[in-house]
Amino acid sequence: MLYISGARLVGDEQVRIASTKIDGIGPKKAIQVRYRLGISGNIKIKELTKYQIDQIEQMIGQDHVVHWELKRGERADIERLISISCYRGIRHQDGSPLRGQRTHTNARTCRKLIRK
């Protein structure tokens, strides 16, 4: 088991699959990182050398917004919406659905939190 950028990667998975488990890294970015480093996609995570793991972690840290930085950015966006009191900010604050979903019969988990 290996940790890269806060994501736990299973050693039996191929690099091309396991690298997409990192928050903020999708299939296209995973291919780009592997291509730049010259790592085959079919190799397993447990077969990577320490040097290759360090290279992957360094490249992801430099070029991409991942894990806690991504979550911090999302939280900052929500806080901004709440501070300017726009419709979406008020719905975030209330815990209600934001995008026009029906609330009379659906969104039970949101409404359950409001009733208490």
PDB file of N, CA and C in Angstrom:
ATOM      1  N   MET A   1       0.850  -1.176   0.000  1.00  0.00           N
ATOM      2  CA  MET A   1       0.000   0.000   0.000  1.00  0.00           C
ATOM      3  C   MET A   1       0.891   1.232   0.000  1.00  0.00           C
ATOM      4  N   LEU A   2       0.484   2.236  -0.750  1.00  0.00           N
ATOM      5  CA  LEU A   2       1.307   3.405  -0.980  1.00  0.00           C
ATOM      6  C   LEU A   2       0.438   4.658  -0.894  1.00  0.00           C
ATOM      7  N   TYR A   3       0.997   5.739  -0.363  1.00  0.00           N
ATOM      8  CA  TYR A   3       0.281   7.001  -0.287  1.00  0.00           C
ATOM      9  C   TYR A   3       0.967   8.024  -1.189  1.00  0.00           C
ATOM     10  N   ILE A   4       0.204   8.589  -2.116  1.00  0.00           N
ATOM     11  CA  ILE A   4       0.689   9.680  -2.959  1.00  0.00           C
ATOM     12  C   ILE A   4      -0.334  10.798  -2.891  1.00  0.00           C
ATOM     13  N   SER A   5       0.107  11.969  -2.482  1.00  0.00           N
ATOM     14  CA  SER A   5      -0.748  13.165  -2.366  1.00  0.00           C
ATOM     15  C   SER A   5      -1.998  12.891  -1.537  1.00  0.00           C
ATOM     16  N   GLY A   6      -1.850  12.145  -0.457  1.00  0.00           N
ATOM     17  CA  GLY A   6      -2.952  11.899   0.457  1.00  0.00           C
ATOM     18  C   GLY A   6      -3.916  10.812   0.025  1.00  0.00           C
ATOM     19  N   ALA A   7      -3.656  10.143  -1.091  1.00  0.00           N
ATOM     20  CA  ALA A   7      -4.539   9.084  -1.570  1.00  0.00           C
ATOM     21  C   ALA A   7      -3.858   7.726  -1.352  1.00  0.00           C
ATOM     22  N   ARG A   8      -4.611   6.772  -0.848  1.00  0.00           N
ATOM     23  CA  ARG A   8      -4.081   5.431  -0.618  1.00  0.00           C
ATOM     24  C   ARG A   8      -4.226   4.627  -1.903  1.00  0.00           C
ATOM     25  N   LEU A   9      -3.104   4.157  -2.421  1.00  0.00           N
ATOM     26  CA  LEU A   9      -3.095   3.392  -3.660  1.00  0.00           C
ATOM     27  C   LEU A   9      -2.764   1.941  -3.349  1.00  0.00           C
ATOM     28  N   VAL A  10      -3.546   1.026  -3.899  1.00  0.00           N
ATOM     29  CA  VAL A  10      -3.360  -0.406  -3.683  1.00  0.00           C
ATOM     30  C   VAL A  10      -2.234  -0.890  -4.597  1.00  0.00           C
ATOM     31  N   GLY A  11      -1.342  -1.715  -4.079  1.00  0.00           N
ATOM     32  CA  GLY A  11      -0.172  -2.160  -4.820  1.00  0.00           C
ATOM     33  C   GLY A  11      -0.461  -3.083  -5.981  1.00  0.00           C
ATOM     34  N   ASP A  12      -1.593  -3.763  -5.986  1.00  0.00           N
ATOM     35  CA  ASP A  12      -1.903  -4.719  -7.044  1.00  0.00           C
ATOM     36  C   ASP A  12      -2.526  -4.082  -8.284  1.00  0.00           C
ATOM     37  N   GLU A  13      -2.838  -2.799  -8.231  1.00  0.00           N
ATOM     38  CA  GLU A  13      -3.454  -2.128  -9.379  1.00  0.00           C
ATOM     39  C   GLU A  13      -2.391  -1.598 -10.335  1.00  0.00           C
ATOM     40  N   GLN A  14      -2.777  -1.463 -11.590  1.00  0.00           N
ATOM     41  CA  GLN A  14      -1.879  -0.879 -12.573  1.00  0.00           C
ATOM     42  C   GLN A  14      -1.774   0.621 -12.325  1.00  0.00           C
ATOM     43  N   VAL A  15      -0.664   1.199 -12.752  1.00  0.00           N
ATOM     44  CA  VAL A  15      -0.412   2.621 -12.518  1.00  0.00           C
ATOM     45  C   VAL A  15      -1.487   3.475 -13.179  1.00  0.00           C
ATOM     46  N   ARG A  16      -1.922   3.095 -14.372  1.00  0.00           N
ATOM     47  CA  ARG A  16      -2.912   3.911 -15.090  1.00  0.00           C
ATOM     48  C   ARG A  16      -4.252   3.953 -14.368  1.00  0.00           C
ATOM     49  N   ILE A  17      -4.587   2.913 -13.626  1.00  0.00           N
ATOM     50  CA  ILE A  17      -5.847   2.868 -12.888  1.00  0.00           C
ATOM     51  C   ILE A  17      -5.687   3.503 -11.512  1.00  0.00           C
ATOM     52  N   ALA A  18      -4.604   3.166 -10.843  1.00  0.00           N
ATOM     53  CA  ALA A  18      -4.399   3.627  -9.470  1.00  0.00           C
ATOM     54  C   ALA A  18      -4.189   5.137  -9.395  1.00  0.00           C
ATOM     55  N   SER A  19      -3.548   5.721 -10.399  1.00  0.00           N
ATOM     56  CA  SER A  19      -3.273   7.160 -10.338  1.00  0.00           C
ATOM     57  C   SER A  19      -4.548   7.994 -10.446  1.00  0.00           C
ATOM     58  N   THR A  20      -5.625   7.428 -10.993  1.00  0.00           N
ATOM     59  CA  THR A  20      -6.877   8.180 -11.066  1.00  0.00           C
ATOM     60  C   THR A  20      -7.601   8.208  -9.723  1.00  0.00           C
ATOM     61  N   LYS A  21      -7.141   7.454  -8.744  1.00  0.00           N
ATOM     62  CA  LYS A  21      -7.742   7.462  -7.409  1.00  0.00           C
ATOM     63  C   LYS A  21      -7.343   8.703  -6.610  1.00  0.00           C
ATOM     64  N   ILE A  22      -6.334   9.437  -7.085  1.00  0.00           N
ATOM     65  CA  ILE A  22      -5.892  10.669  -6.431  1.00  0.00           C
ATOM     66  C   ILE A  22      -6.910  11.758  -6.751  1.00  0.00           C
ATOM     67  N   ASP A  23      -7.371  12.491  -5.723  1.00  0.00           N
ATOM     68  CA  ASP A  23      -8.337  13.567  -5.931  1.00  0.00           C
ATOM     69  C   ASP A  23      -7.730  14.628  -6.844  1.00  0.00           C
ATOM     70  N   GLY A  24      -8.449  14.978  -7.914  1.00  0.00           N
ATOM     71  CA  GLY A  24      -7.990  16.002  -8.840  1.00  0.00           C
ATOM     72  C   GLY A  24      -7.244  15.447 -10.040  1.00  0.00           C
ATOM     73  N   ILE A  25      -6.997  14.131 -10.077  1.00  0.00           N
ATOM     74  CA  ILE A  25      -6.316  13.503 -11.208  1.00  0.00           C
ATOM     75  C   ILE A  25      -7.293  12.562 -11.887  1.00  0.00           C
ATOM     76  N   GLY A  26      -7.630  12.870 -13.123  1.00  0.00           N
ATOM     77  CA  GLY A  26      -8.514  12.020 -13.904  1.00  0.00           C
ATOM     78  C   GLY A  26      -7.698  11.198 -14.889  1.00  0.00           C
ATOM     79  N   PRO A  27      -8.383  10.488 -15.776  1.00  0.00           N
ATOM     80  CA  PRO A  27      -7.666   9.641 -16.738  1.00  0.00           C
ATOM     81  C   PRO A  27      -6.703  10.409 -17.643  1.00  0.00           C
ATOM     82  N   LYS A  28      -7.098  11.570 -18.117  1.00  0.00           N
ATOM     83  CA  LYS A  28      -6.228  12.336 -19.026  1.00  0.00           C
ATOM     84  C   LYS A  28      -4.985  12.860 -18.319  1.00  0.00           C
ATOM     85  N   LYS A  29      -5.152  13.399 -17.120  1.00  0.00           N
ATOM     86  CA  LYS A  29      -3.991  13.903 -16.383  1.00  0.00           C
ATOM     87  C   LYS A  29      -3.070  12.764 -15.974  1.00  0.00           C
ATOM     88  N   ALA A  30      -3.641  11.602 -15.656  1.00  0.00           N
ATOM     89  CA  ALA A  30      -2.829  10.433 -15.302  1.00  0.00           C
ATOM     90  C   ALA A  30      -1.967  10.011 -16.484  1.00  0.00           C
ATOM     91  N   ILE A  31      -2.542  10.044 -17.683  1.00  0.00           N
ATOM     92  CA  ILE A  31      -1.781   9.694 -18.889  1.00  0.00           C
ATOM     93  C   ILE A  31      -0.662  10.702 -19.121  1.00  0.00           C
ATOM     94  N   GLN A  32      -0.948  11.996 -18.936  1.00  0.00           N
ATOM     95  CA  GLN A  32       0.069  13.026 -19.126  1.00  0.00           C
ATOM     96  C   GLN A  32       1.245  12.841 -18.179  1.00  0.00           C
ATOM     97  N   VAL A  33       0.964  12.582 -16.915  1.00  0.00           N
ATOM     98  CA  VAL A  33       2.029  12.410 -15.924  1.00  0.00           C
ATOM     99  C   VAL A  33       2.879  11.190 -16.275  1.00  0.00           C
ATOM    100  N   ARG A  34       2.232  10.082 -16.619  1.00  0.00           N
ATOM    101  CA  ARG A  34       2.972   8.869 -16.970  1.00  0.00           C
ATOM    102  C   ARG A  34       3.821   9.078 -18.217  1.00  0.00           C
ATOM    103  N   TYR A  35       3.272   9.785 -19.197  1.00  0.00           N
ATOM    104  CA  TYR A  35       3.990  10.011 -20.449  1.00  0.00           C
ATOM    105  C   TYR A  35       5.233  10.869 -20.208  1.00  0.00           C
ATOM    106  N   ARG A  36       5.098  11.931 -19.407  1.00  0.00           N
ATOM    107  CA  ARG A  36       6.241  12.802 -19.109  1.00  0.00           C
ATOM    108  C   ARG A  36       7.355  12.065 -18.379  1.00  0.00           C
ATOM    109  N   LEU A  37       6.977  11.142 -17.512  1.00  0.00           N
ATOM    110  CA  LEU A  37       7.972  10.419 -16.729  1.00  0.00           C
ATOM    111  C   LEU A  37       8.458   9.146 -17.428  1.00  0.00           C
ATOM    112  N   GLY A  38       7.799   8.742 -18.496  1.00  0.00           N
ATOM    113  CA  GLY A  38       8.205   7.550 -19.229  1.00  0.00           C
ATOM    114  C   GLY A  38       7.874   6.256 -18.510  1.00  0.00           C
ATOM    115  N   ILE A  39       6.783   6.257 -17.755  1.00  0.00           N
ATOM    116  CA  ILE A  39       6.361   5.068 -17.012  1.00  0.00           C
ATOM    117  C   ILE A  39       5.270   4.366 -17.804  1.00  0.00           C
ATOM    118  N   SER A  40       5.385   3.049 -17.934  1.00  0.00           N
ATOM    119  CA  SER A  40       4.373   2.260 -18.631  1.00  0.00           C
ATOM    120  C   SER A  40       3.097   2.219 -17.796  1.00  0.00           C
ATOM    121  N   GLY A  41       1.952   2.226 -18.449  1.00  0.00           N
ATOM    122  CA  GLY A  41       0.677   2.186 -17.750  1.00  0.00           C
ATOM    123  C   GLY A  41       0.317   0.813 -17.238  1.00  0.00           C
ATOM    124  N   ASN A  42       0.952  -0.220 -17.795  1.00  0.00           N
ATOM    125  CA  ASN A  42       0.611  -1.589 -17.417  1.00  0.00           C
ATOM    126  C   ASN A  42       1.391  -2.086 -16.205  1.00  0.00           C
ATOM    127  N   ILE A  43       2.396  -1.352 -15.780  1.00  0.00           N
ATOM    128  CA  ILE A  43       3.190  -1.769 -14.624  1.00  0.00           C
ATOM    129  C   ILE A  43       2.358  -1.601 -13.354  1.00  0.00           C
ATOM    130  N   LYS A  44       2.552  -2.478 -12.397  1.00  0.00           N
ATOM    131  CA  LYS A  44       1.794  -2.408 -11.138  1.00  0.00           C
ATOM    132  C   LYS A  44       2.450  -1.403 -10.192  1.00  0.00           C
ATOM    133  N   ILE A  45       1.662  -0.879  -9.259  1.00  0.00           N
ATOM    134  CA  ILE A  45       2.147   0.110  -8.299  1.00  0.00           C
ATOM    135  C   ILE A  45       3.281  -0.465  -7.455  1.00  0.00           C
ATOM    136  N   LYS A  46       3.170  -1.719  -7.047  1.00  0.00           N
ATOM    137  CA  LYS A  46       4.187  -2.304  -6.178  1.00  0.00           C
ATOM    138  C   LYS A  46       5.507  -2.538  -6.910  1.00  0.00           C
ATOM    139  N   GLU A  47       5.521  -2.492  -8.244  1.00  0.00           N
ATOM    140  CA  GLU A  47       6.740  -2.673  -9.023  1.00  0.00           C
ATOM    141  C   GLU A  47       7.482  -1.363  -9.279  1.00  0.00           C
ATOM    142  N   LEU A  48       6.898  -0.232  -8.885  1.00  0.00           N
ATOM    143  CA  LEU A  48       7.563   1.052  -9.062  1.00  0.00           C
ATOM    144  C   LEU A  48       8.735   1.178  -8.094  1.00  0.00           C
ATOM    145  N   THR A  49       9.792   1.844  -8.551  1.00  0.00           N
ATOM    146  CA  THR A  49      10.928   2.091  -7.670  1.00  0.00           C
ATOM    147  C   THR A  49      10.646   3.320  -6.819  1.00  0.00           C
ATOM    148  N   LYS A  50      11.428   3.481  -5.767  1.00  0.00           N
ATOM    149  CA  LYS A  50      11.281   4.643  -4.882  1.00  0.00           C
ATOM    150  C   LYS A  50      11.494   5.936  -5.672  1.00  0.00           C
ATOM    151  N   TYR A  51      12.437   5.924  -6.592  1.00  0.00           N
ATOM    152  CA  TYR A  51      12.727   7.097  -7.412  1.00  0.00           C
ATOM    153  C   TYR A  51      11.523   7.468  -8.281  1.00  0.00           C
ATOM    154  N   GLN A  52      10.878   6.471  -8.907  1.00  0.00           N
ATOM    155  CA  GLN A  52       9.710   6.733  -9.746  1.00  0.00           C
ATOM    156  C   GLN A  52       8.550   7.276  -8.917  1.00  0.00           C
ATOM    157  N   ILE A  53       8.360   6.737  -7.724  1.00  0.00           N
ATOM    158  CA  ILE A  53       7.287   7.216  -6.842  1.00  0.00           C
ATOM    159  C   ILE A  53       7.527   8.671  -6.461  1.00  0.00           C
ATOM    160  N   ASP A  54       8.783   9.000  -6.135  1.00  0.00           N
ATOM    161  CA  ASP A  54       9.120  10.386  -5.792  1.00  0.00           C
ATOM    162  C   ASP A  54       8.895  11.316  -6.980  1.00  0.00           C
ATOM    163  N   GLN A  55       9.242  10.853  -8.182  1.00  0.00           N
ATOM    164  CA  GLN A  55       9.021  11.662  -9.381  1.00  0.00           C
ATOM    165  C   GLN A  55       7.536  11.928  -9.609  1.00  0.00           C
ATOM    166  N   ILE A  56       6.717  10.887  -9.461  1.00  0.00           N
ATOM    167  CA  ILE A  56       5.272  11.038  -9.648  1.00  0.00           C
ATOM    168  C   ILE A  56       4.721  12.044  -8.648  1.00  0.00           C
ATOM    169  N   GLU A  57       5.111  11.888  -7.393  1.00  0.00           N
ATOM    170  CA  GLU A  57       4.607  12.783  -6.353  1.00  0.00           C
ATOM    171  C   GLU A  57       5.048  14.222  -6.585  1.00  0.00           C
ATOM    172  N   GLN A  58       6.296  14.394  -7.011  1.00  0.00           N
ATOM    173  CA  GLN A  58       6.811  15.738  -7.262  1.00  0.00           C
ATOM    174  C   GLN A  58       6.092  16.397  -8.440  1.00  0.00           C
ATOM    175  N   MET A  59       5.875  15.649  -9.523  1.00  0.00           N
ATOM    176  CA  MET A  59       5.219  16.218 -10.697  1.00  0.00           C
ATOM    177  C   MET A  59       3.764  16.573 -10.403  1.00  0.00           C
ATOM    178  N   ILE A  60       3.071  15.699  -9.678  1.00  0.00           N
ATOM    179  CA  ILE A  60       1.675  15.976  -9.336  1.00  0.00           C
ATOM    180  C   ILE A  60       1.593  17.193  -8.421  1.00  0.00           C
ATOM    181  N   GLY A  61       2.517  17.313  -7.483  1.00  0.00           N
ATOM    182  CA  GLY A  61       2.527  18.451  -6.569  1.00  0.00           C
ATOM    183  C   GLY A  61       2.805  19.777  -7.256  1.00  0.00           C
ATOM    184  N   GLN A  62       3.651  19.759  -8.292  1.00  0.00           N
ATOM    185  CA  GLN A  62       4.015  20.989  -8.995  1.00  0.00           C
ATOM    186  C   GLN A  62       2.919  21.472  -9.942  1.00  0.00           C
ATOM    187  N   ASP A  63       2.417  20.548 -10.758  1.00  0.00           N
ATOM    188  CA  ASP A  63       1.589  20.947 -11.892  1.00  0.00           C
ATOM    189  C   ASP A  63       0.085  20.893 -11.659  1.00  0.00           C
ATOM    190  N   HIS A  64      -0.373  20.180 -10.642  1.00  0.00           N
ATOM    191  CA  HIS A  64      -1.810  19.938 -10.511  1.00  0.00           C
ATOM    192  C   HIS A  64      -2.303  20.312  -9.119  1.00  0.00           C
ATOM    193  N   VAL A  65      -3.542  20.769  -9.058  1.00  0.00           N
ATOM    194  CA  VAL A  65      -4.192  21.068  -7.781  1.00  0.00           C
ATOM    195  C   VAL A  65      -4.856  19.772  -7.313  1.00  0.00           C
ATOM    196  N   VAL A  66      -4.377  19.239  -6.186  1.00  0.00           N
ATOM    197  CA  VAL A  66      -4.872  17.952  -5.709  1.00  0.00           C
ATOM    198  C   VAL A  66      -5.215  17.997  -4.229  1.00  0.00           C
ATOM    199  N   HIS A  67      -6.002  17.057  -3.814  1.00  0.00           N
ATOM    200  CA  HIS A  67      -6.408  16.726  -2.448  1.00  0.00           C
ATOM    201  C   HIS A  67      -6.791  17.955  -1.618  1.00  0.00           C
ATOM    202  N   TRP A  68      -6.002  18.329  -0.620  1.00  0.00           N
ATOM    203  CA  TRP A  68      -6.433  19.369   0.310  1.00  0.00           C
ATOM    204  C   TRP A  68      -6.522  20.728  -0.354  1.00  0.00           C
ATOM    205  N   GLU A  69      -5.677  20.997  -1.361  1.00  0.00           N
ATOM    206  CA  GLU A  69      -5.767  22.273  -2.070  1.00  0.00           C
ATOM    207  C   GLU A  69      -7.087  22.368  -2.828  1.00  0.00           C
ATOM    208  N   LEU A  70      -7.494  21.264  -3.414  1.00  0.00           N
ATOM    209  CA  LEU A  70      -8.749  21.209  -4.168  1.00  0.00           C
ATOM    210  C   LEU A  70      -9.937  21.414  -3.235  1.00  0.00           C
ATOM    211  N   LYS A  71      -9.919  20.730  -2.102  1.00  0.00           N
ATOM    212  CA  LYS A  71     -11.010  20.855  -1.135  1.00  0.00           C
ATOM    213  C   LYS A  71     -11.056  22.259  -0.534  1.00  0.00           C
ATOM    214  N   ARG A  72      -9.887  22.860  -0.287  1.00  0.00           N
ATOM    215  CA  ARG A  72      -9.828  24.210   0.248  1.00  0.00           C
ATOM    216  C   ARG A  72     -10.423  25.206  -0.747  1.00  0.00           C
ATOM    217  N   GLY A  73     -10.131  25.000  -2.034  1.00  0.00           N
ATOM    218  CA  GLY A  73     -10.679  25.876  -3.075  1.00  0.00           C
ATOM    219  C   GLY A  73     -12.190  25.774  -3.165  1.00  0.00           C
ATOM    220  N   GLU A  74     -12.720  24.538  -3.068  1.00  0.00           N
ATOM    221  CA  GLU A  74     -14.168  24.344  -3.100  1.00  0.00           C
ATOM    222  C   GLU A  74     -14.825  25.029  -1.906  1.00  0.00           C
ATOM    223  N   ARG A  75     -14.225  24.870  -0.734  1.00  0.00           N
ATOM    224  CA  ARG A  75     -14.792  25.488   0.483  1.00  0.00           C
ATOM    225  C   ARG A  75     -14.756  27.009   0.378  1.00  0.00           C
ATOM    226  N   ALA A  76     -13.685  27.557  -0.197  1.00  0.00           N
ATOM    227  CA  ALA A  76     -13.584  29.009  -0.368  1.00  0.00           C
ATOM    228  C   ALA A  76     -14.668  29.518  -1.317  1.00  0.00           C
ATOM    229  N   ASP A  77     -14.958  28.768  -2.367  1.00  0.00           N
ATOM    230  CA  ASP A  77     -16.013  29.160  -3.304  1.00  0.00           C
ATOM    231  C   ASP A  77     -17.375  29.190  -2.612  1.00  0.00           C
ATOM    232  N   ILE A  78     -17.642  28.178  -1.780  1.00  0.00           N
ATOM    233  CA  ILE A  78     -18.919  28.122  -1.058  1.00  0.00           C
ATOM    234  C   ILE A  78     -19.013  29.269  -0.057  1.00  0.00           C
ATOM    235  N   GLU A  79     -17.924  29.538   0.649  1.00  0.00           N
ATOM    236  CA  GLU A  79     -17.911  30.653   1.609  1.00  0.00           C
ATOM    237  C   GLU A  79     -18.160  31.985   0.912  1.00  0.00           C
ATOM    238  N   ARG A  80     -17.609  32.154  -0.295  1.00  0.00           N
ATOM    239  CA  ARG A  80     -17.831  33.385  -1.053  1.00  0.00           C
ATOM    240  C   ARG A  80     -19.298  33.532  -1.422  1.00  0.00           C
ATOM    241  N   LEU A  81     -19.933  32.436  -1.849  1.00  0.00           N
ATOM    242  CA  LEU A  81     -21.351  32.480  -2.196  1.00  0.00           C
ATOM    243  C   LEU A  81     -22.200  32.844  -0.973  1.00  0.00           C
ATOM    244  N   ILE A  82     -21.837  32.285   0.180  1.00  0.00           N
ATOM    245  CA  ILE A  82     -22.583  32.583   1.407  1.00  0.00           C
ATOM    246  C   ILE A  82     -22.393  34.037   1.804  1.00  0.00           C
ATOM    247  N   SER A  83     -21.151  34.548   1.676  1.00  0.00           N
ATOM    248  CA  SER A  83     -20.876  35.923   2.119  1.00  0.00           C
ATOM    249  C   SER A  83     -21.589  36.973   1.275  1.00  0.00           C
ATOM    250  N   ILE A  84     -21.798  36.711  -0.022  1.00  0.00           N
ATOM    251  CA  ILE A  84     -22.490  37.694  -0.857  1.00  0.00           C
ATOM    252  C   ILE A  84     -23.995  37.480  -0.850  1.00  0.00           C
ATOM    253  N   SER A  85     -24.460  36.480  -0.109  1.00  0.00           N
ATOM    254  CA  SER A  85     -25.887  36.193   0.078  1.00  0.00           C
ATOM    255  C   SER A  85     -26.637  35.991  -1.231  1.00  0.00           C
ATOM    256  N   CYS A  86     -26.020  35.291  -2.165  1.00  0.00           N
ATOM    257  CA  CYS A  86     -26.731  34.968  -3.394  1.00  0.00           C
ATOM    258  C   CYS A  86     -27.616  33.744  -3.137  1.00  0.00           C
ATOM    259  N   TYR A  87     -28.440  33.406  -4.091  1.00  0.00           N
ATOM    260  CA  TYR A  87     -29.392  32.302  -3.928  1.00  0.00           C
ATOM    261  C   TYR A  87     -28.673  31.001  -3.587  1.00  0.00           C
ATOM    262  N   ARG A  88     -27.619  30.687  -4.350  1.00  0.00           N
ATOM    263  CA  ARG A  88     -26.882  29.442  -4.093  1.00  0.00           C
ATOM    264  C   ARG A  88     -26.234  29.448  -2.717  1.00  0.00           C
ATOM    265  N   GLY A  89     -25.758  30.608  -2.269  1.00  0.00           N
ATOM    266  CA  GLY A  89     -25.155  30.700  -0.939  1.00  0.00           C
ATOM    267  C   GLY A  89     -26.168  30.459   0.161  1.00  0.00           C
ATOM    268  N   ILE A  90     -27.357  30.999  -0.005  1.00  0.00           N
ATOM    269  CA  ILE A  90     -28.425  30.803   0.987  1.00  0.00           C
ATOM    270  C   ILE A  90     -28.834  29.334   1.024  1.00  0.00           C
ATOM    271  N   ARG A  91     -28.939  28.693  -0.143  1.00  0.00           N
ATOM    272  CA  ARG A  91     -29.297  27.275  -0.188  1.00  0.00           C
ATOM    273  C   ARG A  91     -28.201  26.404   0.446  1.00  0.00           C
ATOM    274  N   HIS A  92     -26.931  26.780   0.244  1.00  0.00           N
ATOM    275  CA  HIS A  92     -25.836  26.072   0.913  1.00  0.00           C
ATOM    276  C   HIS A  92     -25.973  26.205   2.422  1.00  0.00           C
ATOM    277  N   GLN A  93     -26.266  27.399   2.865  1.00  0.00           N
ATOM    278  CA  GLN A  93     -26.385  27.677   4.292  1.00  0.00           C
ATOM    279  C   GLN A  93     -27.531  26.877   4.916  1.00  0.00           C
ATOM    280  N   ASP A  94     -28.641  26.779   4.195  1.00  0.00           N
ATOM    281  CA  ASP A  94     -29.807  26.049   4.699  1.00  0.00           C
ATOM    282  C   ASP A  94     -29.663  24.541   4.561  1.00  0.00           C
ATOM    283  N   GLY A  95     -28.735  24.091   3.710  1.00  0.00           N
ATOM    284  CA  GLY A  95     -28.589  22.663   3.467  1.00  0.00           C
ATOM    285  C   GLY A  95     -29.626  22.135   2.495  1.00  0.00           C
ATOM    286  N   SER A  96     -30.185  22.995   1.686  1.00  0.00           N
ATOM    287  CA  SER A  96     -31.200  22.608   0.705  1.00  0.00           C
ATOM    288  C   SER A  96     -30.548  22.374  -0.659  1.00  0.00           C
ATOM    289  N   PRO A  97     -31.239  21.685  -1.563  1.00  0.00           N
ATOM    290  CA  PRO A  97     -30.697  21.494  -2.913  1.00  0.00           C
ATOM    291  C   PRO A  97     -30.515  22.835  -3.627  1.00  0.00           C
ATOM    292  N   LEU A  98     -29.445  22.942  -4.416  1.00  0.00           N
ATOM    293  CA  LEU A  98     -29.092  24.230  -5.020  1.00  0.00           C
ATOM    294  C   LEU A  98     -29.635  24.429  -6.417  1.00  0.00           C
ATOM    295  N   ARG A  99     -29.753  23.366  -7.168  1.00  0.00           N
ATOM    296  CA  ARG A  99     -29.929  23.504  -8.606  1.00  0.00           C
ATOM    297  C   ARG A  99     -31.346  23.264  -9.079  1.00  0.00           C
ATOM    298  N   GLY A 100     -32.328  23.683  -8.308  1.00  0.00           N
ATOM    299  CA  GLY A 100     -33.707  23.625  -8.757  1.00  0.00           C
ATOM    300  C   GLY A 100     -34.380  22.287  -8.595  1.00  0.00           C
ATOM    301  N   GLN A 101     -33.796  21.391  -7.783  1.00  0.00           N
ATOM    302  CA  GLN A 101     -34.436  20.095  -7.603  1.00  0.00           C
ATOM    303  C   GLN A 101     -35.698  20.241  -6.763  1.00  0.00           C
ATOM    304  N   ARG A 102     -36.586  19.287  -6.923  1.00  0.00           N
ATOM    305  CA  ARG A 102     -37.839  19.253  -6.182  1.00  0.00           C
ATOM    306  C   ARG A 102     -37.550  18.940  -4.711  1.00  0.00           C
ATOM    307  N   THR A 103     -38.221  19.651  -3.799  1.00  0.00           N
ATOM    308  CA  THR A 103     -37.988  19.413  -2.375  1.00  0.00           C
ATOM    309  C   THR A 103     -39.240  18.942  -1.640  1.00  0.00           C
ATOM    310  N   HIS A 104     -40.379  18.912  -2.309  1.00  0.00           N
ATOM    311  CA  HIS A 104     -41.602  18.506  -1.625  1.00  0.00           C
ATOM    312  C   HIS A 104     -41.538  17.037  -1.223  1.00  0.00           C
ATOM    313  N   THR A 105     -41.120  16.182  -2.131  1.00  0.00           N
ATOM    314  CA  THR A 105     -41.051  14.758  -1.807  1.00  0.00           C
ATOM    315  C   THR A 105     -39.620  14.224  -1.795  1.00  0.00           C
ATOM    316  N   ASN A 106     -38.686  14.907  -2.423  1.00  0.00           N
ATOM    317  CA  ASN A 106     -37.310  14.428  -2.469  1.00  0.00           C
ATOM    318  C   ASN A 106     -36.428  15.260  -1.550  1.00  0.00           C
ATOM    319  N   ALA A 107     -35.146  15.009  -1.565  1.00  0.00           N
ATOM    320  CA  ALA A 107     -34.164  15.708  -0.725  1.00  0.00           C
ATOM    321  C   ALA A 107     -34.452  15.465   0.749  1.00  0.00           C
ATOM    322  N   ARG A 108     -34.808  14.241   1.075  1.00  0.00           N
ATOM    323  CA  ARG A 108     -35.178  13.917   2.454  1.00  0.00           C
ATOM    324  C   ARG A 108     -34.035  14.103   3.431  1.00  0.00           C
ATOM    325  N   THR A 109     -32.815  13.724   3.026  1.00  0.00           N
ATOM    326  CA  THR A 109     -31.706  13.855   3.961  1.00  0.00           C
ATOM    327  C   THR A 109     -31.420  15.314   4.269  1.00  0.00           C
ATOM    328  N   CYS A 110     -31.529  16.183   3.291  1.00  0.00           N
ATOM    329  CA  CYS A 110     -31.331  17.606   3.539  1.00  0.00           C
ATOM    330  C   CYS A 110     -32.386  18.150   4.477  1.00  0.00           C
ATOM    331  N   ARG A 111     -33.650  17.789   4.211  1.00  0.00           N
ATOM    332  CA  ARG A 111     -34.747  18.318   5.029  1.00  0.00           C
ATOM    333  C   ARG A 111     -34.720  17.739   6.432  1.00  0.00           C
ATOM    334  N   LYS A 112     -34.217  16.521   6.584  1.00  0.00           N
ATOM    335  CA  LYS A 112     -34.154  15.898   7.906  1.00  0.00           C
ATOM    336  C   LYS A 112     -33.189  16.684   8.798  1.00  0.00           C
ATOM    337  N   LEU A 113     -32.098  17.158   8.224  1.00  0.00           N
ATOM    338  CA  LEU A 113     -31.149  17.939   8.995  1.00  0.00           C
ATOM    339  C   LEU A 113     -31.726  19.298   9.399  1.00  0.00           C
ATOM    340  N   ILE A 114     -32.588  19.852   8.547  1.00  0.00           N
ATOM    341  CA  ILE A 114     -33.188  21.165   8.836  1.00  0.00           C
ATOM    342  C   ILE A 114     -34.210  21.053   9.961  1.00  0.00           C
ATOM    343  N   ARG A 115     -35.000  19.973   9.975  1.00  0.00           N
ATOM    344  CA  ARG A 115     -36.073  19.830  10.959  1.00  0.00           C
ATOM    345  C   ARG A 115     -35.568  19.681  12.371  1.00  0.00           C
ATOM    346  N   LYS A 116     -34.392  19.143  12.560  1.00  0.00           N
ATOM    347  CA  LYS A 116     -33.895  18.884  13.914  1.00  0.00           C
ATOM    348  C   LYS A 116     -33.455  20.123  14.631  1.00  0.00           C
TER     349      LYS A 116
END
